[in-house]
Structures are given as structure tokens and as C-alpha cells.
Amino acid sequence: MKIYLDCYPCFMRQALSAARRSNASEEQQYLVMKQALSYLRDIPPNATPPDIAYRIHELVREIVAVNDPYQNAKETSTKMALELYPRLKEIVRESDDPLDTAIRISIAGNIIDFGFKEDIDDLWLTVQDVLNKPYAIDHSNELYHKLEHSEELLFLADNAGETVFDRVLIEELSIPVTYVVKGGPILNDATLEDALAAGIDNSASIINNGSQAPGTIISLCSDDFIHHYQNSSLIIAKGQANYETLSEAGENIFCLLQVKCPVIATDIGVPTGSIVVRQSKKLIE
């Protein structure tokens, strides 16, 4: 997905938020904002929003010398989600369509997104809303077909806490799952530690993509991850940043997300607040 003009103030908000979460001094906050503004003046024309977010958060880590500004937020998110886990499992057990319900629960978890806002919405109310909301884009039948004819699934994680909701979906699948987290902290994206805290290792293999960037920027990923990615017949990509980087990456990829950002809503062609199961397109060069 290309960068829109409305992305610029969001990058600045993220920079200031990350600096403050790192307990940066006023002088450090000023330097973060000054350097972020300087960087934004010269954005490459082919960059995606996650490319820029990666650099902005790298600036914060360099200036403030804090490796993971969102560590406390991630731990809190995971704890809140785990408290809901038994109720989520019960909903799936009692559902007339357990797989659809589990997919919706996974999408509900995508509300935990500190790249977009500073706090966490009521998770239970979000679950109830997503369970009863029609998809704005519904390629679930295509996803079901792929699940029936694939021997394994590569699952690209998004945020900590959301990992617990993903676990509910993974536990409903009948094929082996490899769950992919980030290679290092970026925003509240899930790392290995976050996935383990959510209990993902009880139902899936866990690898990291070797990258400390939002979404999945292939050029920044490790050779090991790229091997998995290139040889996967089916990939689930969670969240907005994965949509931004993989929306035209091929028909074996399904983007599952809540559309929280007006810019992404415009790009994908649905109202803000929509839920989406979208099969990725083939890039036309």
C-alpha cells in the first residue's frame, strides 16, 4: 500500500508516543520530533507506511536508548486477553460454525493496536461486536477451500495480546501451523516472548521473521523466514501493517483485520470499523 498524506501526522504521533513511553526527557522528545520531521521530508516514493514506521521507531530507540517502549503495554494486553480466553473457547465450543467463530475472534483481537491509538478498547464488547458484524470483504469461502487443500499454514502475527485471540483460531485448525512473530520489538507487535506468554507454543511452532519492522517487509526479513514464506501454499496475515505490505503479494495470502485507520479504509474500499477477510491480489507490474 502506498503512503497517503494523512499518514504523515500519524508517523509524528507514533514518534512522540514511543518517546514518552520510553520516559524520554523533554530534550530527547524534541530531538525525536526534529529528526522524524527531517526524515519525513525525504520519504522514498515507493515506500510503504511500515517502511517509514520502522525508521521512525528506530530513531526513538537510538535517541532514548530504550529497546522496547511498549513492553508494559504488551504485558498488560496479554494478561487482559488471557483473562478472556476461557470465555472465547466456550463461545467456539457452543457455536454452530466453530471455524467462522474462531476466525472472527482472531479478528476481534486486532483491536489491540498501539500503532493506531493509545489505549485498549473493551475487549469483550469488541468480541461481541465482531461476532455479529457482517464482513465488509468476505473471502472466507476461498480461505476455507485453501485450508482444506493445504498441508500446513504460515500465520503472520500482529500484536501482543492479539496473540491469545489467534491461539483460539489456531486451536480450531486441523493442519500444522507455523506462527511468525517479529525478530525484535516494534510498537506492540508480538515477539517470541509475547507469543510464549500467550501459550501459542501449545498449538503451533513459532519462528521470527528476522525483522524489527511493522508488517512483513520481505527485504528486511531473514533467509529462514523467506524460505518459509516462498514455500507456503497458504498464509494468514493479521492486521493493518500486514495488509499494507502484503495486499498485492499473491492469492495464497489472506489478510484478516479490523479496519481502524481511515487511510486503510480508503485504500481497501470499505468503511472505517469494518472487519475483513481479504484474499491478497497478484501485483501487476
Protein backbone atom coordinates (compact mmCIF):
# COMPACT_ATOMS: atom_id res chain seq x y z
CA MET A 1 0.00 0.00 0.00
CA LYS A 2 1.27 3.45 -0.89
CA ILE A 3 1.75 6.29 1.59
CA TYR A 4 -1.06 8.84 1.80
CA LEU A 5 -0.69 12.43 3.05
CA ASP A 6 -2.76 11.55 6.11
CA CYS A 7 -0.03 9.09 7.14
CA TYR A 8 2.38 11.92 7.97
CA PRO A 9 0.72 13.19 11.18
CA CYS A 10 0.28 9.58 12.30
CA PHE A 11 4.03 8.98 12.00
CA MET A 12 4.67 12.04 14.16
CA ARG A 13 2.11 10.90 16.75
CA GLN A 14 3.78 7.47 16.90
CA ALA A 15 7.21 9.05 17.34
CA LEU A 16 6.08 11.19 20.27
CA SER A 17 4.10 8.36 21.85
CA ALA A 18 7.06 5.95 21.68
CA ALA A 19 9.40 8.59 23.13
CA ARG A 20 7.06 9.29 26.04
CA ARG A 21 6.53 5.58 26.70
CA SER A 22 10.33 5.38 26.94
CA ASN A 23 10.33 8.10 29.63
CA ALA A 24 12.31 10.38 27.31
CA SER A 25 13.30 13.78 28.62
CA GLU A 26 11.85 16.91 27.04
CA GLU A 27 15.12 17.39 25.19
CA GLN A 28 15.03 13.83 23.87
CA GLN A 29 11.39 14.20 22.81
CA TYR A 30 12.29 17.38 20.93
CA LEU A 31 15.19 15.63 19.19
CA VAL A 32 12.95 12.69 18.23
CA MET A 33 10.38 15.02 16.69
CA LYS A 34 13.02 17.12 14.93
CA GLN A 35 14.73 14.11 13.35
CA ALA A 36 11.41 12.47 12.45
CA LEU A 37 10.32 15.63 10.65
CA SER A 38 13.63 15.72 8.80
CA TYR A 39 13.25 12.11 7.74
CA LEU A 40 9.65 12.60 6.57
CA ARG A 41 10.76 15.34 4.18
CA ASP A 42 12.66 12.82 2.07
CA ILE A 43 10.45 9.71 2.05
CA PRO A 44 11.28 7.48 -0.94
CA PRO A 45 8.41 7.45 -3.46
CA ASN A 46 7.99 3.66 -3.34
CA ALA A 47 7.99 3.34 0.46
CA THR A 48 5.08 1.79 2.36
CA PRO A 49 3.80 3.07 5.72
CA PRO A 50 5.54 0.21 7.60
CA ASP A 51 8.86 1.17 5.93
CA ILE A 52 8.54 4.64 7.44
CA ALA A 53 7.22 3.48 10.82
CA TYR A 54 10.24 1.18 11.07
CA ARG A 55 12.63 4.09 10.61
CA ILE A 56 10.68 6.38 12.95
CA HIS A 57 10.77 3.87 15.80
CA GLU A 58 14.42 3.13 15.09
CA LEU A 59 15.08 6.82 15.67
CA VAL A 60 13.34 6.66 19.04
CA ARG A 61 15.39 3.67 20.15
CA GLU A 62 18.62 5.36 19.05
CA ILE A 63 17.88 8.65 20.79
CA VAL A 64 16.28 7.38 24.01
CA ALA A 65 18.23 4.10 24.28
CA VAL A 66 15.19 2.02 25.28
CA ASN A 67 14.81 -1.25 23.40
CA ASP A 68 11.08 -1.85 23.89
CA PRO A 69 8.96 1.21 24.75
CA TYR A 70 5.79 -0.90 24.58
CA GLN A 71 6.85 -3.75 26.88
CA ASN A 72 4.45 -2.83 29.69
CA ALA A 73 1.59 -2.28 27.25
CA LYS A 74 2.22 -5.68 25.67
CA GLU A 75 2.29 -7.48 29.01
CA THR A 76 -0.95 -5.78 30.06
CA SER A 77 -2.63 -6.63 26.75
CA THR A 78 -1.66 -10.29 27.01
CA LYS A 79 -2.90 -10.50 30.59
CA MET A 80 -6.25 -8.95 29.65
CA ALA A 81 -6.65 -11.31 26.70
CA LEU A 82 -5.76 -14.40 28.74
CA GLU A 83 -8.48 -13.50 31.23
CA LEU A 84 -10.97 -13.75 28.34
CA TYR A 85 -9.50 -16.94 26.88
CA PRO A 86 -11.85 -19.42 28.69
CA ARG A 87 -14.91 -17.44 27.57
CA LEU A 88 -13.63 -17.30 23.99
CA LYS A 89 -13.12 -21.06 23.94
CA GLU A 90 -16.63 -21.58 25.28
CA ILE A 91 -18.09 -19.40 22.53
CA VAL A 92 -16.34 -21.52 19.90
CA ARG A 93 -17.46 -24.78 21.53
CA GLU A 94 -21.09 -23.67 21.53
CA SER A 95 -21.04 -22.22 18.01
CA ASP A 96 -22.92 -23.73 15.08
CA ASP A 97 -19.89 -22.81 12.93
CA PRO A 98 -16.79 -23.09 15.14
CA LEU A 99 -14.29 -22.17 12.40
CA ASP A 100 -16.11 -18.98 11.39
CA THR A 101 -16.46 -18.05 15.07
CA ALA A 102 -12.75 -18.66 15.70
CA ILE A 103 -11.81 -16.53 12.68
CA ARG A 104 -14.00 -13.72 13.98
CA ILE A 105 -12.46 -13.99 17.44
CA SER A 106 -8.99 -13.74 15.90
CA ILE A 107 -10.10 -10.61 14.02
CA ALA A 108 -11.61 -9.17 17.21
CA GLY A 109 -8.17 -9.32 18.81
CA ASN A 110 -6.84 -6.99 16.13
CA ILE A 111 -8.38 -4.10 18.09
CA ILE A 112 -5.25 -4.20 20.30
CA ASP A 113 -3.20 -1.78 18.23
CA PHE A 114 -1.00 0.90 19.78
CA GLY A 115 0.16 1.99 16.36
CA PHE A 116 -3.29 3.46 15.88
CA LYS A 117 -4.39 4.59 19.36
CA GLU A 118 -3.04 4.94 22.87
CA ASP A 119 -5.31 2.61 24.81
CA ILE A 120 -7.20 -0.70 24.57
CA ASP A 121 -10.90 -0.83 23.79
CA ASP A 122 -13.21 -3.02 25.88
CA LEU A 123 -12.17 -6.43 24.56
CA TRP A 124 -15.37 -8.26 25.45
CA LEU A 125 -17.56 -5.64 23.78
CA THR A 126 -15.31 -5.84 20.73
CA VAL A 127 -15.70 -9.63 20.59
CA GLN A 128 -19.49 -9.33 20.77
CA ASP A 129 -19.48 -6.70 18.03
CA VAL A 130 -17.25 -8.69 15.66
CA LEU A 131 -19.22 -11.90 16.19
CA ASN A 132 -22.38 -10.19 14.96
CA LYS A 133 -20.99 -7.90 12.25
CA PRO A 134 -21.04 -8.80 8.54
CA TYR A 135 -17.72 -8.83 6.72
CA ALA A 136 -17.16 -5.79 4.52
CA ILE A 137 -14.95 -8.01 2.36
CA ASP A 138 -15.65 -11.71 2.69
CA HIS A 139 -13.27 -14.13 1.04
CA SER A 140 -13.81 -16.70 3.78
CA ASN A 141 -15.05 -19.36 1.36
CA GLU A 142 -11.80 -19.05 -0.56
CA LEU A 143 -9.91 -19.34 2.73
CA TYR A 144 -11.88 -22.46 3.71
CA HIS A 145 -11.04 -24.02 0.34
CA LYS A 146 -7.36 -23.30 0.83
CA LEU A 147 -7.45 -24.72 4.36
CA GLU A 148 -8.98 -27.95 3.05
CA HIS A 149 -6.30 -28.34 0.38
CA SER A 150 -3.18 -27.16 2.24
CA GLU A 151 -0.90 -29.33 4.31
CA GLU A 152 0.26 -26.50 6.58
CA LEU A 153 -0.33 -22.83 7.34
CA LEU A 154 2.05 -19.91 7.83
CA PHE A 155 0.39 -17.48 10.26
CA LEU A 156 1.86 -13.95 10.37
CA ALA A 157 1.15 -12.46 13.78
CA ASP A 158 0.40 -8.84 14.53
CA ASN A 159 0.16 -7.59 18.11
CA ALA A 160 0.80 -8.89 21.62
CA GLY A 161 -2.48 -9.78 23.30
CA GLU A 162 -3.99 -10.36 19.89
CA THR A 163 -1.86 -13.48 20.05
CA VAL A 164 -4.32 -15.00 22.53
CA PHE A 165 -7.18 -14.47 20.09
CA ASP A 166 -5.06 -16.04 17.33
CA ARG A 167 -4.47 -19.02 19.60
CA VAL A 168 -8.22 -19.66 19.68
CA LEU A 169 -8.25 -19.83 15.87
CA ILE A 170 -5.14 -21.98 15.62
CA GLU A 171 -6.64 -24.50 18.03
CA GLU A 172 -9.58 -24.96 15.64
CA LEU A 173 -7.41 -25.75 12.63
CA SER A 174 -6.68 -29.30 11.52
CA ILE A 175 -3.34 -28.59 9.82
CA PRO A 176 0.06 -27.74 11.35
CA VAL A 177 0.65 -24.03 11.92
CA THR A 178 3.88 -22.05 11.96
CA TYR A 179 3.32 -18.79 13.84
CA VAL A 180 5.57 -15.92 12.79
CA VAL A 181 6.48 -13.11 15.19
CA LYS A 182 8.85 -10.16 14.87
CA GLY A 183 12.59 -10.51 15.25
CA GLY A 184 12.70 -7.61 17.71
CA PRO A 185 10.44 -5.05 19.40
CA ILE A 186 8.48 -2.61 17.23
CA LEU A 187 5.33 -0.88 18.52
CA ASN A 188 3.26 -3.52 20.35
CA ASP A 189 3.93 -6.18 17.70
CA ALA A 190 4.37 -9.69 19.06
CA THR A 191 7.85 -11.11 19.64
CA LEU A 192 8.77 -14.63 20.72
CA GLU A 193 8.33 -13.73 24.38
CA ASP A 194 4.84 -12.38 23.71
CA ALA A 195 3.80 -15.48 21.77
CA LEU A 196 5.06 -17.77 24.55
CA ALA A 197 3.21 -15.71 27.16
CA ALA A 198 0.01 -16.23 25.14
CA GLY A 199 0.51 -20.01 25.03
CA ILE A 200 0.93 -20.19 21.26
CA ASP A 201 3.62 -22.85 21.67
CA ASN A 202 0.94 -25.30 22.86
CA SER A 203 -0.64 -25.40 19.40
CA ALA A 204 1.88 -24.08 16.84
CA SER A 205 5.56 -23.87 16.01
CA ILE A 206 6.93 -20.36 16.50
CA ILE A 207 9.56 -18.63 14.38
CA ASN A 208 10.54 -14.99 13.96
CA ASN A 209 10.85 -13.19 10.65
CA GLY A 210 14.24 -11.67 11.47
CA SER A 211 12.84 -8.17 11.10
CA GLN A 212 12.15 -5.36 13.54
CA ALA A 213 9.66 -3.60 11.25
CA PRO A 214 5.86 -3.48 11.24
CA GLY A 215 4.08 -5.76 8.81
CA THR A 216 6.16 -8.03 6.59
CA ILE A 217 8.81 -6.17 4.62
CA ILE A 218 10.44 -9.04 2.76
CA SER A 219 13.69 -7.17 2.07
CA LEU A 220 14.27 -6.87 5.84
CA CYS A 221 13.39 -10.47 6.71
CA SER A 222 15.75 -13.38 7.39
CA ASP A 223 16.60 -16.05 4.84
CA ASP A 224 14.95 -18.65 7.06
CA PHE A 225 11.65 -16.79 7.11
CA ILE A 226 11.81 -16.05 3.37
CA HIS A 227 12.22 -19.79 2.75
CA HIS A 228 9.04 -20.49 4.75
CA TYR A 229 7.23 -17.61 3.05
CA GLN A 230 8.15 -18.60 -0.50
CA ASN A 231 7.25 -22.25 0.05
CA SER A 232 3.91 -21.73 1.82
CA SER A 233 0.76 -22.56 -0.09
CA LEU A 234 -1.37 -20.74 2.49
CA ILE A 235 -0.57 -17.68 4.60
CA ILE A 236 -2.80 -15.82 7.06
CA ALA A 237 -1.57 -12.26 7.59
CA LYS A 238 -3.06 -10.47 10.58
CA GLY A 239 -3.57 -6.75 10.97
CA GLN A 240 -3.27 -3.45 9.18
CA ALA A 241 0.52 -3.38 8.73
CA ASN A 242 0.49 -6.81 7.10
CA TYR A 243 -2.25 -5.55 4.80
CA GLU A 244 -0.10 -2.51 3.97
CA THR A 245 2.85 -4.69 2.98
CA LEU A 246 1.10 -7.77 1.52
CA SER A 247 -2.14 -6.54 -0.07
CA GLU A 248 -0.80 -7.40 -3.54
CA ALA A 249 1.54 -10.24 -2.62
CA GLY A 250 -0.36 -13.17 -4.13
CA GLU A 251 -3.51 -15.24 -3.84
CA ASN A 252 -2.12 -17.65 -1.24
CA ILE A 253 -2.25 -14.82 1.32
CA PHE A 254 -5.37 -13.91 3.31
CA CYS A 255 -5.41 -10.63 5.25
CA LEU A 256 -7.55 -10.75 8.42
CA LEU A 257 -8.07 -7.41 10.10
CA GLN A 258 -10.22 -4.74 11.63
CA VAL A 259 -10.06 -1.57 9.54
CA LYS A 260 -9.31 1.04 12.18
CA CYS A 261 -7.43 3.61 10.10
CA PRO A 262 -9.33 5.91 7.68
CA VAL A 263 -6.41 5.79 5.23
CA ILE A 264 -6.52 1.99 5.08
CA ALA A 265 -10.30 2.15 4.81
CA THR A 266 -9.92 4.33 1.71
CA ASP A 267 -7.25 2.07 0.22
CA ILE A 268 -9.17 -1.15 0.78
CA GLY A 269 -12.51 0.43 -0.16
CA VAL A 270 -14.57 -0.19 2.99
CA PRO A 271 -15.88 1.95 5.88
CA THR A 272 -13.76 2.52 8.98
CA GLY A 273 -14.70 -0.04 11.61
CA SER A 274 -15.17 -2.84 9.08
CA ILE A 275 -13.96 -6.40 9.53
CA VAL A 276 -12.28 -8.05 6.57
CA VAL A 277 -11.19 -11.44 5.29
CA ARG A 278 -9.44 -10.46 2.07
CA GLN A 279 -7.52 -12.64 -0.34
CA SER A 280 -4.41 -10.79 -1.49
CA LYS A 281 -4.15 -9.80 -5.13
CA LYS A 282 -1.35 -10.50 -7.55
CA LEU A 283 0.87 -7.48 -8.10
CA ILE A 284 0.53 -6.21 -11.65
CA GLU A 285 3.83 -4.69 -12.71
